Amino acid sequence: MITKKQLERDFDKFKLPVIGEDIKITKMTKELVKLSEVSTDTYLKQRRQADDIGARAKRLKKSFEVIDYNQPIPIVRRRKDGTLSLIDAFGRFEMFDDNGQLFYPMTVVECGGHAEQQLAGWANRVLVKDDNSMMDNVENIATQVRKRYITATRKNFEEQLDIIEPHKPDEEKLQILSTLVEMFPTTKPVPKANKFISLRTPTIMKNWVKRHFAEADRLGFELGPKGKTKYSEKSDCYYGVNESGSEIRKVLSAVDRYVNKGKTTRLLSFVSSKFLTSVKSMKNKRRTTKSSFTKIQNNLDKLYENGKPDWNKVIDQMGDIPQHTSENRKNPI
């Protein structure tokens, strides 16, 4: 627990957020607030749809043993009757409760209901690697429609998305818009192709591994320049990616590494964009890729006179990179 005296001493170190003018806030102040005075009635309507508040609280507990003054402070709304209600930081409030925390600096805003809803999404916008899931964004904007803050038009969806997620890649924004259009059928359709995530080997490290792959740090998964296969000291193996159609080259390269360096090559596969025309086509191509690996290995087995190699030590197919909005982007399939 961090004492009130310590928080008062370091109060000036905590920073107010810089909120864009698109979100209409009447007044914003930084105050040392008693936690018991903040209403958390929206607890069960947590803003992060794909997250678990209790689990997030446990992850945060360690980080609050030493205060990081660069981290955003909780945001609360002061209503007309003077009461305070929580807008952002549900996980931290759960963690505060576990730690017996009594006071904490907060951003106190005075605003209308629409601005409150926008703030809830904006506060969880993309920051380094801790980002909203796409369904968080969908739910936030859908709630604005249900509460009649905005009408269900694609233009309004785009405007709100730019407010709450200014740094999200255009490709992901199109997928969010597509989902919203399906939820509200009266809006102009987004082409179905936008539901698919097109990947390229040279940019896959930046666009998927660093942004989404949940196990990357634990595994020590990293690719070389332009997506080239790279050795991982952490896992003592080579990591790489395979675009559908490149199986022969990938298998032969893995054989060369195993023969000369005694190391396994572990690959994640993805489907070329030309096959991303339907879910059925994507899944068929994934099956074809797996069959291709097996066929190549079986053919190579016929060359050996003194026994077949243990292919599990030569090459490991880790799975397929998610490429459809219905798939969990953080883990291979």
C-alpha atoms as a PDB file:
ATOM      1  CA  MET A   1       0.000   0.000   0.000  1.00  0.00           C
ATOM      2  CA  ILE A   2       1.209   3.496  -0.878  1.00  0.00           C
ATOM      3  CA  THR A   3       0.486   5.955   1.951  1.00  0.00           C
ATOM      4  CA  LYS A   4      -1.467   9.180   1.552  1.00  0.00           C
ATOM      5  CA  LYS A   5       1.553  11.104   2.861  1.00  0.00           C
ATOM      6  CA  GLN A   6       3.777   9.654   0.120  1.00  0.00           C
ATOM      7  CA  LEU A   7       1.197  10.447  -2.556  1.00  0.00           C
ATOM      8  CA  GLU A   8       0.853  14.036  -1.300  1.00  0.00           C
ATOM      9  CA  ARG A   9       4.633  14.448  -1.354  1.00  0.00           C
ATOM     10  CA  ASP A  10       4.903  13.174  -4.934  1.00  0.00           C
ATOM     11  CA  PHE A  11       1.591  14.596  -6.185  1.00  0.00           C
ATOM     12  CA  ASP A  12       3.204  16.914  -8.753  1.00  0.00           C
ATOM     13  CA  LYS A  13       4.977  13.958 -10.407  1.00  0.00           C
ATOM     14  CA  PHE A  14       1.701  12.442 -11.583  1.00  0.00           C
ATOM     15  CA  LYS A  15       0.622  13.676 -15.014  1.00  0.00           C
ATOM     16  CA  LEU A  16      -2.736  14.651 -16.450  1.00  0.00           C
ATOM     17  CA  PRO A  17      -3.519  13.027 -19.813  1.00  0.00           C
ATOM     18  CA  VAL A  18      -3.530  15.080 -23.006  1.00  0.00           C
ATOM     19  CA  ILE A  19      -7.029  14.532 -24.399  1.00  0.00           C
ATOM     20  CA  GLY A  20      -7.923  15.661 -27.906  1.00  0.00           C
ATOM     21  CA  GLU A  21     -10.428  18.445 -28.524  1.00  0.00           C
ATOM     22  CA  ASP A  22     -12.783  15.989 -30.256  1.00  0.00           C
ATOM     23  CA  ILE A  23     -13.798  14.714 -26.809  1.00  0.00           C
ATOM     24  CA  LYS A  24     -15.825  17.522 -25.254  1.00  0.00           C
ATOM     25  CA  ILE A  25     -14.697  17.963 -21.642  1.00  0.00           C
ATOM     26  CA  THR A  26     -15.954  20.932 -19.620  1.00  0.00           C
ATOM     27  CA  LYS A  27     -13.307  20.759 -16.910  1.00  0.00           C
ATOM     28  CA  MET A  28     -10.332  18.547 -15.998  1.00  0.00           C
ATOM     29  CA  THR A  29      -8.336  18.557 -12.762  1.00  0.00           C
ATOM     30  CA  LYS A  30      -5.864  16.319 -10.936  1.00  0.00           C
ATOM     31  CA  GLU A  31      -7.001  15.406  -7.415  1.00  0.00           C
ATOM     32  CA  LEU A  32      -5.991  13.051  -4.618  1.00  0.00           C
ATOM     33  CA  VAL A  33      -9.170  11.012  -4.320  1.00  0.00           C
ATOM     34  CA  LYS A  34     -10.352   8.668  -1.605  1.00  0.00           C
ATOM     35  CA  LEU A  35     -11.075   5.397  -3.379  1.00  0.00           C
ATOM     36  CA  SER A  36     -14.183   4.622  -1.348  1.00  0.00           C
ATOM     37  CA  GLU A  37     -15.817   7.783  -2.752  1.00  0.00           C
ATOM     38  CA  VAL A  38     -15.615   6.551  -6.349  1.00  0.00           C
ATOM     39  CA  SER A  39     -18.604   4.648  -7.705  1.00  0.00           C
ATOM     40  CA  THR A  40     -17.674   1.506  -9.638  1.00  0.00           C
ATOM     41  CA  ASP A  41     -21.221   0.495 -10.591  1.00  0.00           C
ATOM     42  CA  THR A  42     -20.004  -0.097 -14.131  1.00  0.00           C
ATOM     43  CA  TYR A  43     -17.649  -2.811 -12.820  1.00  0.00           C
ATOM     44  CA  LEU A  44     -19.621  -5.594 -14.459  1.00  0.00           C
ATOM     45  CA  LYS A  45     -19.746  -3.588 -17.701  1.00  0.00           C
ATOM     46  CA  GLN A  46     -15.970  -3.436 -17.967  1.00  0.00           C
ATOM     47  CA  ARG A  47     -14.697  -1.563 -21.008  1.00  0.00           C
ATOM     48  CA  ARG A  48     -12.267  -4.261 -22.146  1.00  0.00           C
ATOM     49  CA  GLN A  49     -14.591  -6.905 -23.524  1.00  0.00           C
ATOM     50  CA  ALA A  50     -11.907  -9.544 -24.074  1.00  0.00           C
ATOM     51  CA  ASP A  51     -10.174  -9.059 -20.729  1.00  0.00           C
ATOM     52  CA  ASP A  52     -10.721 -10.302 -17.174  1.00  0.00           C
ATOM     53  CA  ILE A  53     -10.532  -7.601 -14.502  1.00  0.00           C
ATOM     54  CA  GLY A  54      -9.332  -9.908 -11.727  1.00  0.00           C
ATOM     55  CA  ALA A  55      -6.539 -11.357 -13.853  1.00  0.00           C
ATOM     56  CA  ARG A  56      -5.485  -7.881 -14.970  1.00  0.00           C
ATOM     57  CA  ALA A  57      -5.405  -6.744 -11.322  1.00  0.00           C
ATOM     58  CA  LYS A  58      -2.924  -9.502 -10.467  1.00  0.00           C
ATOM     59  CA  ARG A  59      -0.670  -8.473 -13.356  1.00  0.00           C
ATOM     60  CA  LEU A  60      -0.781  -4.839 -12.203  1.00  0.00           C
ATOM     61  CA  LYS A  61      -0.044  -5.596  -8.548  1.00  0.00           C
ATOM     62  CA  LYS A  62       3.670  -6.122  -9.104  1.00  0.00           C
ATOM     63  CA  SER A  63       4.003  -2.973 -11.223  1.00  0.00           C
ATOM     64  CA  PHE A  64       2.556  -0.760  -8.474  1.00  0.00           C
ATOM     65  CA  GLU A  65       5.090  -1.831  -5.851  1.00  0.00           C
ATOM     66  CA  VAL A  66       7.242   0.969  -7.297  1.00  0.00           C
ATOM     67  CA  ILE A  67       5.319   3.927  -8.754  1.00  0.00           C
ATOM     68  CA  ASP A  68       5.863   4.662 -12.434  1.00  0.00           C
ATOM     69  CA  TYR A  69       4.930   8.340 -12.723  1.00  0.00           C
ATOM     70  CA  ASN A  70       4.776   8.092 -16.520  1.00  0.00           C
ATOM     71  CA  GLN A  71       1.813   5.712 -16.378  1.00  0.00           C
ATOM     72  CA  PRO A  72      -1.667   7.263 -16.822  1.00  0.00           C
ATOM     73  CA  ILE A  73      -3.657   7.827 -13.656  1.00  0.00           C
ATOM     74  CA  PRO A  74      -7.285   6.649 -13.320  1.00  0.00           C
ATOM     75  CA  ILE A  75     -10.019   8.788 -14.885  1.00  0.00           C
ATOM     76  CA  VAL A  76     -13.242   9.546 -13.024  1.00  0.00           C
ATOM     77  CA  ARG A  77     -16.226  11.714 -13.880  1.00  0.00           C
ATOM     78  CA  ARG A  78     -17.650  14.241 -11.400  1.00  0.00           C
ATOM     79  CA  ARG A  79     -21.393  14.272 -11.921  1.00  0.00           C
ATOM     80  CA  LYS A  80     -23.707  17.226 -11.298  1.00  0.00           C
ATOM     81  CA  ASP A  81     -24.512  15.994  -7.782  1.00  0.00           C
ATOM     82  CA  GLY A  82     -20.797  15.934  -6.909  1.00  0.00           C
ATOM     83  CA  THR A  83     -20.421  12.153  -6.913  1.00  0.00           C
ATOM     84  CA  LEU A  84     -17.523  10.476  -8.711  1.00  0.00           C
ATOM     85  CA  SER A  85     -17.861   7.544 -11.117  1.00  0.00           C
ATOM     86  CA  LEU A  86     -15.060   5.506 -12.645  1.00  0.00           C
ATOM     87  CA  ILE A  87     -14.425   5.806 -16.395  1.00  0.00           C
ATOM     88  CA  ASP A  88     -11.083   4.035 -16.755  1.00  0.00           C
ATOM     89  CA  ALA A  89      -8.827   1.776 -14.608  1.00  0.00           C
ATOM     90  CA  PHE A  90     -11.138  -1.043 -13.501  1.00  0.00           C
ATOM     91  CA  GLY A  91      -8.190  -3.420 -13.187  1.00  0.00           C
ATOM     92  CA  ARG A  92      -6.289  -0.936 -11.025  1.00  0.00           C
ATOM     93  CA  PHE A  93      -9.265  -0.440  -8.724  1.00  0.00           C
ATOM     94  CA  GLU A  94      -9.478  -4.193  -8.191  1.00  0.00           C
ATOM     95  CA  MET A  95      -5.750  -4.212  -7.483  1.00  0.00           C
ATOM     96  CA  PHE A  96      -6.098  -1.215  -5.132  1.00  0.00           C
ATOM     97  CA  ASP A  97      -8.780  -3.108  -3.224  1.00  0.00           C
ATOM     98  CA  ASP A  98      -6.508  -6.159  -2.911  1.00  0.00           C
ATOM     99  CA  ASN A  99      -3.665  -3.958  -1.623  1.00  0.00           C
ATOM    100  CA  GLY A 100      -5.815  -2.009   0.839  1.00  0.00           C
ATOM    101  CA  GLN A 101      -5.080   1.247  -0.980  1.00  0.00           C
ATOM    102  CA  LEU A 102      -7.111   4.198   0.423  1.00  0.00           C
ATOM    103  CA  PHE A 103      -6.132   7.185  -1.764  1.00  0.00           C
ATOM    104  CA  TYR A 104      -4.706   7.708  -5.259  1.00  0.00           C
ATOM    105  CA  PRO A 105      -4.237  10.652  -7.653  1.00  0.00           C
ATOM    106  CA  MET A 106      -6.871  10.746 -10.373  1.00  0.00           C
ATOM    107  CA  THR A 107      -7.909  12.718 -13.409  1.00  0.00           C
ATOM    108  CA  VAL A 108     -11.304  14.218 -12.526  1.00  0.00           C
ATOM    109  CA  VAL A 109     -13.375  15.345 -15.504  1.00  0.00           C
ATOM    110  CA  GLU A 110     -16.698  17.086 -15.893  1.00  0.00           C
ATOM    111  CA  CYS A 111     -18.399  16.127 -19.126  1.00  0.00           C
ATOM    112  CA  GLY A 112     -21.547  14.748 -20.754  1.00  0.00           C
ATOM    113  CA  GLY A 113     -22.504  11.112 -21.255  1.00  0.00           C
ATOM    114  CA  HIS A 114     -21.192  10.945 -24.824  1.00  0.00           C
ATOM    115  CA  ALA A 115     -17.776  12.279 -23.850  1.00  0.00           C
ATOM    116  CA  GLU A 116     -17.667   9.763 -20.985  1.00  0.00           C
ATOM    117  CA  GLN A 117     -18.245   6.913 -23.440  1.00  0.00           C
ATOM    118  CA  GLN A 118     -15.580   8.274 -25.793  1.00  0.00           C
ATOM    119  CA  LEU A 119     -13.107   8.629 -22.926  1.00  0.00           C
ATOM    120  CA  ALA A 120     -13.646   4.995 -21.928  1.00  0.00           C
ATOM    121  CA  GLY A 121     -12.467   3.918 -25.374  1.00  0.00           C
ATOM    122  CA  TRP A 122      -9.741   6.565 -25.732  1.00  0.00           C
ATOM    123  CA  ALA A 123      -8.163   5.648 -22.381  1.00  0.00           C
ATOM    124  CA  ASN A 124      -7.497   2.120 -23.672  1.00  0.00           C
ATOM    125  CA  ARG A 125      -6.175   3.179 -27.096  1.00  0.00           C
ATOM    126  CA  VAL A 126      -3.003   1.595 -28.500  1.00  0.00           C
ATOM    127  CA  LEU A 127      -0.033   2.389 -26.262  1.00  0.00           C
ATOM    128  CA  VAL A 128       3.168   0.526 -27.205  1.00  0.00           C
ATOM    129  CA  LYS A 129       2.085  -3.118 -26.875  1.00  0.00           C
ATOM    130  CA  ASP A 130      -0.862  -2.941 -24.470  1.00  0.00           C
ATOM    131  CA  ASP A 131      -3.710  -2.307 -26.870  1.00  0.00           C
ATOM    132  CA  ASN A 132      -7.449  -2.646 -27.117  1.00  0.00           C
ATOM    133  CA  SER A 133      -8.711  -5.770 -28.756  1.00  0.00           C
ATOM    134  CA  MET A 134     -10.750  -5.035 -31.878  1.00  0.00           C
ATOM    135  CA  MET A 135     -13.894  -6.153 -30.030  1.00  0.00           C
ATOM    136  CA  ASP A 136     -13.234  -3.502 -27.356  1.00  0.00           C
ATOM    137  CA  ASN A 137     -13.428  -0.871 -30.092  1.00  0.00           C
ATOM    138  CA  VAL A 138     -16.512  -2.455 -31.660  1.00  0.00           C
ATOM    139  CA  GLU A 139     -18.354  -2.593 -28.343  1.00  0.00           C
ATOM    140  CA  ASN A 140     -17.467   0.984 -27.421  1.00  0.00           C
ATOM    141  CA  ILE A 141     -18.809   2.410 -30.682  1.00  0.00           C
ATOM    142  CA  ALA A 142     -21.824   0.079 -30.686  1.00  0.00           C
ATOM    143  CA  THR A 143     -22.677   1.375 -27.209  1.00  0.00           C
ATOM    144  CA  GLN A 144     -22.576   4.940 -28.545  1.00  0.00           C
ATOM    145  CA  VAL A 145     -25.171   3.907 -31.151  1.00  0.00           C
ATOM    146  CA  ARG A 146     -27.383   2.115 -28.599  1.00  0.00           C
ATOM    147  CA  LYS A 147     -27.327   5.148 -26.301  1.00  0.00           C
ATOM    148  CA  ARG A 148     -28.177   7.344 -29.314  1.00  0.00           C
ATOM    149  CA  TYR A 149     -25.072   9.467 -29.005  1.00  0.00           C
ATOM    150  CA  ILE A 150     -24.427   8.784 -32.701  1.00  0.00           C
ATOM    151  CA  THR A 151     -26.441   7.316 -35.565  1.00  0.00           C
ATOM    152  CA  ALA A 152     -25.317   4.096 -37.217  1.00  0.00           C
ATOM    153  CA  THR A 153     -23.497   5.352 -40.314  1.00  0.00           C
ATOM    154  CA  ARG A 154     -20.104   4.344 -41.591  1.00  0.00           C
ATOM    155  CA  LYS A 155     -18.937   7.955 -41.468  1.00  0.00           C
ATOM    156  CA  ASN A 156     -19.810   8.180 -37.762  1.00  0.00           C
ATOM    157  CA  PHE A 157     -18.100   4.847 -37.089  1.00  0.00           C
ATOM    158  CA  GLU A 158     -14.937   6.144 -38.776  1.00  0.00           C
ATOM    159  CA  GLU A 159     -15.021   9.438 -36.851  1.00  0.00           C
ATOM    160  CA  GLN A 160     -15.420   7.741 -33.478  1.00  0.00           C
ATOM    161  CA  LEU A 161     -12.720   5.183 -34.270  1.00  0.00           C
ATOM    162  CA  ASP A 162     -10.300   7.992 -35.118  1.00  0.00           C
ATOM    163  CA  ILE A 163     -11.091   9.586 -31.749  1.00  0.00           C
ATOM    164  CA  ILE A 164     -10.701   6.545 -29.481  1.00  0.00           C
ATOM    165  CA  GLU A 165      -8.014   4.720 -31.527  1.00  0.00           C
ATOM    166  CA  PRO A 166      -5.959   7.312 -33.457  1.00  0.00           C
ATOM    167  CA  HIS A 167      -2.923   5.030 -33.852  1.00  0.00           C
ATOM    168  CA  LYS A 168      -4.561   1.762 -34.885  1.00  0.00           C
ATOM    169  CA  PRO A 169      -3.405   0.422 -38.294  1.00  0.00           C
ATOM    170  CA  ASP A 170      -5.770   1.127 -41.196  1.00  0.00           C
ATOM    171  CA  GLU A 171      -6.122  -2.600 -41.863  1.00  0.00           C
ATOM    172  CA  GLU A 172      -7.492  -3.216 -38.364  1.00  0.00           C
ATOM    173  CA  LYS A 173      -9.758  -0.175 -38.588  1.00  0.00           C
ATOM    174  CA  LEU A 174     -11.351  -1.656 -41.723  1.00  0.00           C
ATOM    175  CA  GLN A 175     -11.992  -4.910 -39.876  1.00  0.00           C
ATOM    176  CA  ILE A 176     -13.649  -3.033 -36.999  1.00  0.00           C
ATOM    177  CA  LEU A 177     -15.829  -1.089 -39.453  1.00  0.00           C
ATOM    178  CA  SER A 178     -16.823  -4.341 -41.156  1.00  0.00           C
ATOM    179  CA  THR A 179     -17.952  -5.819 -37.839  1.00  0.00           C
ATOM    180  CA  LEU A 180     -19.945  -2.692 -36.941  1.00  0.00           C
ATOM    181  CA  VAL A 181     -21.681  -2.720 -40.325  1.00  0.00           C
ATOM    182  CA  GLU A 182     -22.769  -6.314 -39.702  1.00  0.00           C
ATOM    183  CA  MET A 183     -24.124  -5.318 -36.282  1.00  0.00           C
ATOM    184  CA  PHE A 184     -26.090  -2.418 -37.792  1.00  0.00           C
ATOM    185  CA  PRO A 185     -27.247  -3.680 -41.238  1.00  0.00           C
ATOM    186  CA  THR A 186     -28.719  -0.353 -42.384  1.00  0.00           C
ATOM    187  CA  THR A 187     -25.212   1.046 -42.867  1.00  0.00           C
ATOM    188  CA  LYS A 188     -23.293   0.825 -46.136  1.00  0.00           C
ATOM    189  CA  PRO A 189     -21.471  -2.529 -46.393  1.00  0.00           C
ATOM    190  CA  VAL A 190     -17.728  -2.885 -46.165  1.00  0.00           C
ATOM    191  CA  PRO A 191     -16.220  -5.312 -48.715  1.00  0.00           C
ATOM    192  CA  LYS A 192     -15.932  -8.823 -47.287  1.00  0.00           C
ATOM    193  CA  ALA A 193     -12.255  -8.939 -48.192  1.00  0.00           C
ATOM    194  CA  ASN A 194     -11.596  -6.515 -45.353  1.00  0.00           C
ATOM    195  CA  LYS A 195     -12.321  -9.305 -42.888  1.00  0.00           C
ATOM    196  CA  PHE A 196      -9.070 -10.960 -43.924  1.00  0.00           C
ATOM    197  CA  ILE A 197      -5.632  -9.914 -42.712  1.00  0.00           C
ATOM    198  CA  SER A 198      -3.071  -9.888 -45.489  1.00  0.00           C
ATOM    199  CA  LEU A 199       0.484 -10.636 -44.351  1.00  0.00           C
ATOM    200  CA  ARG A 200       3.904 -10.325 -45.975  1.00  0.00           C
ATOM    201  CA  THR A 201       7.137 -11.939 -44.811  1.00  0.00           C
ATOM    202  CA  PRO A 202       9.219  -8.681 -44.752  1.00  0.00           C
ATOM    203  CA  THR A 203       6.743  -6.902 -42.430  1.00  0.00           C
ATOM    204  CA  ILE A 204       5.343  -9.798 -40.406  1.00  0.00           C
ATOM    205  CA  MET A 205       7.636  -9.098 -37.418  1.00  0.00           C
ATOM    206  CA  LYS A 206       6.348  -5.524 -37.149  1.00  0.00           C
ATOM    207  CA  ASN A 207       2.699  -6.096 -38.040  1.00  0.00           C
ATOM    208  CA  TRP A 208       1.961  -9.320 -36.167  1.00  0.00           C
ATOM    209  CA  VAL A 209       4.743 -10.638 -33.926  1.00  0.00           C
ATOM    210  CA  LYS A 210       5.490  -7.406 -32.035  1.00  0.00           C
ATOM    211  CA  ARG A 211       1.915  -6.171 -32.085  1.00  0.00           C
ATOM    212  CA  HIS A 212      -0.028  -9.346 -31.299  1.00  0.00           C
ATOM    213  CA  PHE A 213       1.911 -12.573 -30.667  1.00  0.00           C
ATOM    214  CA  ALA A 214       1.322 -13.174 -26.942  1.00  0.00           C
ATOM    215  CA  GLU A 215       4.009 -15.865 -26.556  1.00  0.00           C
ATOM    216  CA  ALA A 216       6.768 -14.083 -28.500  1.00  0.00           C
ATOM    217  CA  ASP A 217       8.732 -12.899 -25.453  1.00  0.00           C
ATOM    218  CA  ARG A 218       8.395 -16.178 -23.586  1.00  0.00           C
ATOM    219  CA  LEU A 219       9.595 -18.183 -26.592  1.00  0.00           C
ATOM    220  CA  GLY A 220      12.211 -15.678 -27.674  1.00  0.00           C
ATOM    221  CA  PHE A 221      10.519 -15.602 -31.074  1.00  0.00           C
ATOM    222  CA  GLU A 222      12.205 -13.082 -33.337  1.00  0.00           C
ATOM    223  CA  LEU A 223      12.850 -12.831 -37.061  1.00  0.00           C
ATOM    224  CA  GLY A 224      15.787 -11.307 -38.885  1.00  0.00           C
ATOM    225  CA  PRO A 225      15.695  -8.399 -41.341  1.00  0.00           C
ATOM    226  CA  LYS A 226      12.904  -8.726 -43.933  1.00  0.00           C
ATOM    227  CA  GLY A 227      11.437 -11.656 -42.002  1.00  0.00           C
ATOM    228  CA  LYS A 228      14.415 -13.968 -42.441  1.00  0.00           C
ATOM    229  CA  THR A 229      14.781 -17.041 -40.234  1.00  0.00           C
ATOM    230  CA  LYS A 230      16.759 -16.244 -37.071  1.00  0.00           C
ATOM    231  CA  TYR A 231      18.403 -18.223 -34.273  1.00  0.00           C
ATOM    232  CA  SER A 232      16.913 -17.840 -30.775  1.00  0.00           C
ATOM    233  CA  GLU A 233      19.286 -18.336 -27.850  1.00  0.00           C
ATOM    234  CA  LYS A 234      16.317 -18.473 -25.484  1.00  0.00           C
ATOM    235  CA  SER A 235      14.784 -21.536 -27.187  1.00  0.00           C
ATOM    236  CA  ASP A 236      17.988 -22.836 -28.837  1.00  0.00           C
ATOM    237  CA  CYS A 237      16.329 -23.157 -32.234  1.00  0.00           C
ATOM    238  CA  TYR A 238      15.719 -21.197 -35.425  1.00  0.00           C
ATOM    239  CA  TYR A 239      12.410 -19.346 -35.842  1.00  0.00           C
ATOM    240  CA  GLY A 240      10.924 -18.484 -39.214  1.00  0.00           C
ATOM    241  CA  VAL A 241       7.714 -18.070 -41.191  1.00  0.00           C
ATOM    242  CA  ASN A 242       6.416 -19.894 -44.222  1.00  0.00           C
ATOM    243  CA  GLU A 243       4.192 -18.289 -46.828  1.00  0.00           C
ATOM    244  CA  SER A 244       1.983 -20.897 -48.498  1.00  0.00           C
ATOM    245  CA  GLY A 245       3.774 -22.291 -51.530  1.00  0.00           C
ATOM    246  CA  SER A 246       7.291 -22.031 -50.072  1.00  0.00           C
ATOM    247  CA  GLU A 247       7.338 -25.429 -48.358  1.00  0.00           C
ATOM    248  CA  ILE A 248      10.103 -27.052 -50.458  1.00  0.00           C
ATOM    249  CA  ARG A 249      12.539 -24.222 -49.831  1.00  0.00           C
ATOM    250  CA  LYS A 250      11.707 -24.123 -46.117  1.00  0.00           C
ATOM    251  CA  VAL A 251      12.174 -27.878 -45.632  1.00  0.00           C
ATOM    252  CA  LEU A 252      15.517 -27.962 -47.481  1.00  0.00           C
ATOM    253  CA  SER A 253      16.779 -24.963 -45.488  1.00  0.00           C
ATOM    254  CA  ALA A 254      15.736 -26.663 -42.247  1.00  0.00           C
ATOM    255  CA  VAL A 255      17.595 -29.837 -43.285  1.00  0.00           C
ATOM    256  CA  ASP A 256      20.715 -27.780 -44.000  1.00  0.00           C
ATOM    257  CA  ARG A 257      20.568 -26.109 -40.561  1.00  0.00           C
ATOM    258  CA  TYR A 258      20.022 -29.409 -38.771  1.00  0.00           C
ATOM    259  CA  VAL A 259      22.839 -31.202 -40.616  1.00  0.00           C
ATOM    260  CA  ASN A 260      25.361 -28.388 -40.209  1.00  0.00           C
ATOM    261  CA  LYS A 261      24.329 -26.821 -36.897  1.00  0.00           C
ATOM    262  CA  GLY A 262      22.234 -29.479 -35.163  1.00  0.00           C
ATOM    263  CA  LYS A 263      19.379 -27.054 -34.527  1.00  0.00           C
ATOM    264  CA  THR A 264      15.629 -27.393 -35.104  1.00  0.00           C
ATOM    265  CA  THR A 265      13.804 -24.906 -37.326  1.00  0.00           C
ATOM    266  CA  ARG A 266      10.383 -23.886 -35.993  1.00  0.00           C
ATOM    267  CA  LEU A 267       7.986 -22.306 -38.482  1.00  0.00           C
ATOM    268  CA  LEU A 268       4.720 -20.392 -38.390  1.00  0.00           C
ATOM    269  CA  SER A 269       2.764 -20.523 -41.648  1.00  0.00           C
ATOM    270  CA  PHE A 270       0.475 -17.969 -43.258  1.00  0.00           C
ATOM    271  CA  VAL A 271      -1.698 -17.944 -46.371  1.00  0.00           C
ATOM    272  CA  SER A 272      -0.839 -15.814 -49.402  1.00  0.00           C
ATOM    273  CA  SER A 273      -3.264 -12.928 -49.951  1.00  0.00           C
ATOM    274  CA  LYS A 274      -4.508 -14.350 -53.268  1.00  0.00           C
ATOM    275  CA  PHE A 275      -6.109 -17.238 -51.362  1.00  0.00           C
ATOM    276  CA  LEU A 276      -7.886 -14.969 -48.840  1.00  0.00           C
ATOM    277  CA  THR A 277     -11.163 -14.866 -50.742  1.00  0.00           C
ATOM    278  CA  SER A 278     -13.259 -16.838 -48.245  1.00  0.00           C
ATOM    279  CA  VAL A 279     -12.863 -18.649 -44.933  1.00  0.00           C
ATOM    280  CA  LYS A 280     -13.200 -21.957 -46.793  1.00  0.00           C
ATOM    281  CA  SER A 281     -10.411 -21.027 -49.229  1.00  0.00           C
ATOM    282  CA  MET A 282      -8.141 -19.930 -46.371  1.00  0.00           C
ATOM    283  CA  LYS A 283      -8.668 -23.152 -44.422  1.00  0.00           C
ATOM    284  CA  ASN A 284      -8.210 -25.306 -47.527  1.00  0.00           C
ATOM    285  CA  LYS A 285      -4.892 -23.591 -48.220  1.00  0.00           C
ATOM    286  CA  ARG A 286      -3.769 -24.219 -44.644  1.00  0.00           C
ATOM    287  CA  ARG A 287      -4.532 -27.926 -45.051  1.00  0.00           C
ATOM    288  CA  THR A 288      -2.702 -27.972 -48.387  1.00  0.00           C
ATOM    289  CA  THR A 289       0.353 -26.374 -46.779  1.00  0.00           C
ATOM    290  CA  LYS A 290       0.478 -29.030 -44.041  1.00  0.00           C
ATOM    291  CA  SER A 291       0.054 -31.809 -46.615  1.00  0.00           C
ATOM    292  CA  SER A 292       2.831 -30.290 -48.700  1.00  0.00           C
ATOM    293  CA  PHE A 293       5.266 -30.403 -45.784  1.00  0.00           C
ATOM    294  CA  THR A 294       4.394 -34.077 -45.149  1.00  0.00           C
ATOM    295  CA  LYS A 295       4.734 -35.015 -48.829  1.00  0.00           C
ATOM    296  CA  ILE A 296       8.169 -33.379 -49.132  1.00  0.00           C
ATOM    297  CA  GLN A 297       9.402 -35.121 -45.976  1.00  0.00           C
ATOM    298  CA  ASN A 298       8.098 -38.489 -47.184  1.00  0.00           C
ATOM    299  CA  ASN A 299       9.884 -38.051 -50.515  1.00  0.00           C
ATOM    300  CA  LEU A 300      13.145 -37.183 -48.770  1.00  0.00           C
ATOM    301  CA  ASP A 301      12.773 -40.272 -46.552  1.00  0.00           C
ATOM    302  CA  LYS A 302      13.104 -42.429 -49.655  1.00  0.00           C
ATOM    303  CA  LEU A 303      16.655 -41.132 -50.195  1.00  0.00           C
ATOM    304  CA  TYR A 304      17.989 -42.478 -46.900  1.00  0.00           C
ATOM    305  CA  GLU A 305      19.477 -45.967 -46.765  1.00  0.00           C
ATOM    306  CA  ASN A 306      20.380 -46.066 -43.075  1.00  0.00           C
ATOM    307  CA  GLY A 307      17.076 -44.997 -41.571  1.00  0.00           C
ATOM    308  CA  LYS A 308      14.823 -42.003 -41.764  1.00  0.00           C
ATOM    309  CA  PRO A 309      15.587 -38.758 -39.894  1.00  0.00           C
ATOM    310  CA  ASP A 310      13.540 -37.679 -36.884  1.00  0.00           C
ATOM    311  CA  TRP A 311      11.653 -34.888 -38.621  1.00  0.00           C
ATOM    312  CA  ASN A 312      10.439 -33.487 -35.286  1.00  0.00           C
ATOM    313  CA  LYS A 313      14.052 -32.517 -34.599  1.00  0.00           C
ATOM    314  CA  VAL A 314      14.574 -31.086 -38.070  1.00  0.00           C
ATOM    315  CA  ILE A 315      11.475 -28.957 -38.543  1.00  0.00           C
ATOM    316  CA  ASP A 316       8.553 -28.072 -36.294  1.00  0.00           C
ATOM    317  CA  GLN A 317       5.348 -26.592 -37.690  1.00  0.00           C
ATOM    318  CA  MET A 318       4.148 -24.352 -34.862  1.00  0.00           C
ATOM    319  CA  GLY A 319       0.788 -23.542 -36.452  1.00  0.00           C
ATOM    320  CA  ASP A 320      -0.910 -20.950 -38.619  1.00  0.00           C
ATOM    321  CA  ILE A 321      -0.913 -17.200 -38.053  1.00  0.00           C
ATOM    322  CA  PRO A 322      -4.507 -15.917 -37.588  1.00  0.00           C
ATOM    323  CA  GLN A 323      -5.731 -14.098 -40.699  1.00  0.00           C
ATOM    324  CA  HIS A 324      -9.473 -13.650 -40.176  1.00  0.00           C
ATOM    325  CA  THR A 325     -11.304 -11.286 -37.828  1.00  0.00           C
ATOM    326  CA  SER A 326     -13.054 -14.244 -36.154  1.00  0.00           C
ATOM    327  CA  GLU A 327      -9.716 -15.696 -35.026  1.00  0.00           C
ATOM    328  CA  ASN A 328      -7.787 -14.757 -31.897  1.00  0.00           C
ATOM    329  CA  ARG A 329      -4.892 -12.653 -33.205  1.00  0.00           C
ATOM    330  CA  LYS A 330      -2.649 -13.307 -30.222  1.00  0.00           C
ATOM    331  CA  ASN A 331      -2.046 -17.036 -30.700  1.00  0.00           C
ATOM    332  CA  PRO A 332      -1.249 -19.301 -33.663  1.00  0.00           C
ATOM    333  CA  ILE A 333      -3.944 -21.725 -34.790  1.00  0.00           C
END
